[in-house]
C-alpha atoms as a PDB file:
ATOM      1  CA  MET A   1     -82.450 -29.228 197.079  1.00  0.00           C
ATOM      2  CA  ARG A   2     -81.641 -32.807 196.382  1.00  0.00           C
ATOM      3  CA  ASN A   3     -84.412 -35.163 197.097  1.00  0.00           C
ATOM      4  CA  ALA A   4     -83.742 -38.440 198.933  1.00  0.00           C
ATOM      5  CA  ALA A   5     -87.137 -38.656 200.496  1.00  0.00           C
ATOM      6  CA  VAL A   6     -89.128 -41.819 200.659  1.00  0.00           C
ATOM      7  CA  LEU A   7     -91.494 -42.095 197.776  1.00  0.00           C
ATOM      8  CA  THR A   8     -94.748 -40.701 199.187  1.00  0.00           C
ATOM      9  CA  ALA A   9     -96.939 -40.804 196.121  1.00  0.00           C
ATOM     10  CA  ALA A  10     -98.666 -44.045 195.257  1.00  0.00           C
ATOM     11  CA  VAL A  11     -97.200 -45.766 192.203  1.00  0.00           C
ATOM     12  CA  LEU A  12     -99.638 -45.176 189.357  1.00  0.00           C
ATOM     13  CA  THR A  13    -100.576 -47.868 187.094  1.00  0.00           C
ATOM     14  CA  THR A  14    -103.451 -48.270 184.654  1.00  0.00           C
ATOM     15  CA  LEU A  15    -103.515 -51.797 183.352  1.00  0.00           C
ATOM     16  CA  ALA A  16    -102.281 -55.009 184.968  1.00  0.00           C
ATOM     17  CA  LEU A  17    -101.336 -58.311 183.378  1.00  0.00           C
ATOM     18  CA  ALA A  18    -103.651 -61.157 183.961  1.00  0.00           C
ATOM     19  CA  PRO A  19    -102.446 -63.224 186.959  1.00  0.00           C
ATOM     20  CA  ASP A  20    -100.659 -66.492 186.159  1.00  0.00           C
ATOM     21  CA  ALA A  21    -101.492 -69.815 187.614  1.00  0.00           C
ATOM     22  CA  SER A  22     -99.998 -68.764 190.989  1.00  0.00           C
ATOM     23  CA  GLY A  23    -102.125 -65.586 191.156  1.00  0.00           C
ATOM     24  CA  GLN A  24     -99.100 -63.358 190.630  1.00  0.00           C
ATOM     25  CA  SER A  25     -98.548 -60.806 187.739  1.00  0.00           C
ATOM     26  CA  SER A  26     -95.800 -61.943 185.346  1.00  0.00           C
ATOM     27  CA  PRO A  27     -93.246 -59.688 183.813  1.00  0.00           C
ATOM     28  CA  PRO A  28     -93.861 -58.806 180.205  1.00  0.00           C
ATOM     29  CA  ARG A  29     -92.036 -60.667 177.465  1.00  0.00           C
ATOM     30  CA  SER A  30     -88.896 -58.715 176.668  1.00  0.00           C
ATOM     31  CA  SER A  31     -85.479 -59.294 175.205  1.00  0.00           C
ATOM     32  CA  ARG A  32     -83.968 -57.936 178.474  1.00  0.00           C
ATOM     33  CA  PRO A  33     -83.293 -60.456 181.269  1.00  0.00           C
ATOM     34  CA  ARG A  34     -85.812 -60.564 184.038  1.00  0.00           C
ATOM     35  CA  SER A  35     -83.204 -59.256 186.492  1.00  0.00           C
ATOM     36  CA  GLU A  36     -83.128 -56.015 184.515  1.00  0.00           C
ATOM     37  CA  CYS A  37     -86.901 -55.570 184.928  1.00  0.00           C
ATOM     38  CA  PHE A  38     -88.721 -54.368 188.021  1.00  0.00           C
ATOM     39  CA  ASP A  39     -92.188 -54.130 189.388  1.00  0.00           C
ATOM     40  CA  ALA A  40     -93.257 -50.480 189.663  1.00  0.00           C
ATOM     41  CA  ARG A  41     -95.297 -51.300 192.756  1.00  0.00           C
ATOM     42  CA  PHE A  42     -91.982 -51.911 194.662  1.00  0.00           C
ATOM     43  CA  VAL A  43     -90.380 -48.519 194.168  1.00  0.00           C
ATOM     44  CA  SER A  44     -89.585 -47.352 197.602  1.00  0.00           C
ATOM     45  CA  SER A  45     -87.599 -44.098 197.187  1.00  0.00           C
ATOM     46  CA  PHE A  46     -86.040 -41.794 194.660  1.00  0.00           C
ATOM     47  CA  SER A  47     -83.599 -38.919 194.126  1.00  0.00           C
ATOM     48  CA  ALA A  48     -83.174 -36.618 191.176  1.00  0.00           C
ATOM     49  CA  PRO A  49     -79.756 -34.852 190.847  1.00  0.00           C
ATOM     50  CA  ASN A  50     -81.024 -32.887 187.883  1.00  0.00           C
ATOM     51  CA  ASP A  51     -84.018 -32.469 185.613  1.00  0.00           C
ATOM     52  CA  GLN A  52     -83.271 -35.319 183.281  1.00  0.00           C
ATOM     53  CA  THR A  53     -82.038 -38.014 185.650  1.00  0.00           C
ATOM     54  CA  VAL A  54     -83.798 -39.888 188.372  1.00  0.00           C
ATOM     55  CA  TYR A  55     -82.580 -42.731 190.563  1.00  0.00           C
ATOM     56  CA  ILE A  56     -85.164 -45.092 192.017  1.00  0.00           C
ATOM     57  CA  LYS A  57     -84.738 -47.724 194.655  1.00  0.00           C
ATOM     58  CA  VAL A  58     -86.772 -50.866 194.061  1.00  0.00           C
ATOM     59  CA  GLY A  59     -87.155 -53.209 197.068  1.00  0.00           C
ATOM     60  CA  THR A  60     -84.307 -52.963 199.476  1.00  0.00           C
ATOM     61  CA  ARG A  61     -81.284 -52.927 197.364  1.00  0.00           C
ATOM     62  CA  ASP A  62     -81.796 -52.464 193.563  1.00  0.00           C
ATOM     63  CA  VAL A  63     -81.203 -49.021 192.202  1.00  0.00           C
ATOM     64  CA  TYR A  64     -82.132 -47.828 188.645  1.00  0.00           C
ATOM     65  CA  ARG A  65     -81.214 -44.771 186.774  1.00  0.00           C
ATOM     66  CA  LEU A  66     -84.034 -43.297 184.749  1.00  0.00           C
ATOM     67  CA  SER A  67     -83.026 -40.974 181.893  1.00  0.00           C
ATOM     68  CA  LEU A  68     -85.863 -38.747 180.888  1.00  0.00           C
ATOM     69  CA  PHE A  69     -86.644 -37.970 177.227  1.00  0.00           C
ATOM     70  CA  SER A  70     -86.606 -34.176 177.973  1.00  0.00           C
ATOM     71  CA  PRO A  71     -86.174 -31.903 181.074  1.00  0.00           C
ATOM     72  CA  CYS A  72     -88.840 -32.566 183.643  1.00  0.00           C
ATOM     73  CA  LEU A  73     -89.677 -29.407 185.525  1.00  0.00           C
ATOM     74  CA  ASN A  74     -89.234 -29.578 189.250  1.00  0.00           C
ATOM     75  CA  VAL A  75     -88.388 -33.312 189.344  1.00  0.00           C
ATOM     76  CA  ASP A  76     -85.259 -32.353 191.261  1.00  0.00           C
ATOM     77  CA  TRP A  77     -87.194 -30.381 193.951  1.00  0.00           C
ATOM     78  CA  THR A  78     -90.344 -32.495 194.403  1.00  0.00           C
ATOM     79  CA  GLN A  79     -90.940 -34.569 197.503  1.00  0.00           C
ATOM     80  CA  ALA A  80     -93.119 -37.116 195.749  1.00  0.00           C
ATOM     81  CA  ILE A  81     -93.328 -38.795 192.325  1.00  0.00           C
ATOM     82  CA  GLY A  82     -95.365 -41.494 190.654  1.00  0.00           C
ATOM     83  CA  LEU A  83     -94.104 -44.028 188.149  1.00  0.00           C
ATOM     84  CA  LYS A  84     -96.507 -45.315 185.615  1.00  0.00           C
ATOM     85  CA  SER A  85     -96.113 -48.229 183.202  1.00  0.00           C
ATOM     86  CA  ILE A  86     -97.545 -47.519 179.770  1.00  0.00           C
ATOM     87  CA  ALA A  87     -96.881 -51.102 178.564  1.00  0.00           C
ATOM     88  CA  GLY A  88    -100.041 -52.655 180.117  1.00  0.00           C
ATOM     89  CA  SER A  89     -98.190 -54.160 183.131  1.00  0.00           C
ATOM     90  CA  ASP A  90     -96.801 -53.274 186.486  1.00  0.00           C
ATOM     91  CA  TRP A  91     -93.484 -54.583 185.152  1.00  0.00           C
ATOM     92  CA  ILE A  92     -91.025 -52.124 183.603  1.00  0.00           C
ATOM     93  CA  CYS A  93     -88.063 -53.386 181.491  1.00  0.00           C
ATOM     94  CA  ARG A  94     -87.379 -50.506 179.022  1.00  0.00           C
ATOM     95  CA  GLY A  95     -87.556 -46.791 179.259  1.00  0.00           C
ATOM     96  CA  VAL A  96     -90.241 -46.443 176.563  1.00  0.00           C
ATOM     97  CA  GLU A  97     -92.503 -48.519 178.896  1.00  0.00           C
ATOM     98  CA  ALA A  98     -92.678 -45.890 181.647  1.00  0.00           C
ATOM     99  CA  GLU A  99     -93.443 -42.343 182.519  1.00  0.00           C
ATOM    100  CA  LEU A 100     -92.777 -40.254 185.569  1.00  0.00           C
ATOM    101  CA  ILE A 101     -95.633 -38.322 187.249  1.00  0.00           C
ATOM    102  CA  VAL A 102     -94.484 -35.154 188.931  1.00  0.00           C
ATOM    103  CA  PRO A 103     -96.861 -33.049 190.959  1.00  0.00           C
ATOM    104  CA  ASN A 104     -96.658 -29.324 190.256  1.00  0.00           C
ATOM    105  CA  ARG A 105     -98.877 -26.735 192.188  1.00  0.00           C
ATOM    106  CA  GLN A 106     -99.003 -24.267 189.227  1.00  0.00           C
ATOM    107  CA  LEU A 107     -99.267 -26.706 186.317  1.00  0.00           C
ATOM    108  CA  GLY A 108    -100.893 -29.774 187.830  1.00  0.00           C
ATOM    109  CA  ARG A 109     -99.433 -33.166 187.314  1.00  0.00           C
ATOM    110  CA  GLN A 110     -96.610 -33.331 184.846  1.00  0.00           C
ATOM    111  CA  ARG A 111     -95.972 -36.395 182.793  1.00  0.00           C
ATOM    112  CA  CYS A 112     -92.325 -37.059 181.804  1.00  0.00           C
ATOM    113  CA  LEU A 113     -91.446 -39.816 179.431  1.00  0.00           C
ATOM    114  CA  VAL A 114     -88.582 -42.057 180.384  1.00  0.00           C
ATOM    115  CA  SER A 115     -86.151 -42.757 177.529  1.00  0.00           C
ATOM    116  CA  ASP A 116     -83.839 -45.210 179.184  1.00  0.00           C
ATOM    117  CA  ILE A 117     -83.640 -47.412 182.262  1.00  0.00           C
ATOM    118  CA  HIS A 118     -80.282 -48.811 183.682  1.00  0.00           C
ATOM    119  CA  LYS A 119     -79.918 -51.070 186.644  1.00  0.00           C
ATOM    120  CA  LEU A 120     -76.861 -49.971 188.486  1.00  0.00           C
ATOM    121  CA  THR A 121     -74.113 -52.418 189.246  1.00  0.00           C
ATOM    122  CA  PRO A 122     -72.850 -52.660 192.803  1.00  0.00           C
ATOM    123  CA  GLU A 123     -69.733 -50.755 191.647  1.00  0.00           C
ATOM    124  CA  GLU A 124     -71.796 -48.016 189.884  1.00  0.00           C
ATOM    125  CA  LEU A 125     -73.948 -47.630 193.105  1.00  0.00           C
ATOM    126  CA  ALA A 126     -70.746 -47.346 195.220  1.00  0.00           C
ATOM    127  CA  ALA A 127     -69.486 -44.688 192.956  1.00  0.00           C
ATOM    128  CA  LEU A 128     -72.660 -42.635 193.147  1.00  0.00           C
ATOM    129  CA  PRO A 129     -72.388 -39.626 195.335  1.00  0.00           C
ATOM    130  CA  ARG A 130     -74.251 -40.128 198.579  1.00  0.00           C
ATOM    131  CA  ARG A 131     -76.431 -36.988 198.019  1.00  0.00           C
ATOM    132  CA  ASP A 132     -77.679 -38.690 194.758  1.00  0.00           C
ATOM    133  CA  ARG A 133     -78.569 -42.092 196.232  1.00  0.00           C
ATOM    134  CA  PRO A 134     -82.365 -42.810 196.721  1.00  0.00           C
END
């Protein structure tokens, strides 16, 4: 079963950056452009075509491909996931800064490390099969 359900699990975070002068969290310093970073709190849906690839929708239009470090049991069947930044911020710019949390009735919560994050271009999104779109 391909999952295109709305993300029902709360996005999990542990540490937040100190607010800047406007009271908003700032993205972490990274060599990647800010447009390549996203705030984990704004993930709105996901799909997983297999156990090593997850597509997430951030906001209303941005879609990112998360490549997982190793197979993540049941990620392609689950109805809910969490995304946790391990870099000390809600902002995620690189795969090594994030882990996926996948509920599993038999094993409990499974933590799956993200190895790479890629923001899809409009052309890549258009080429993505409809069943795989978040």
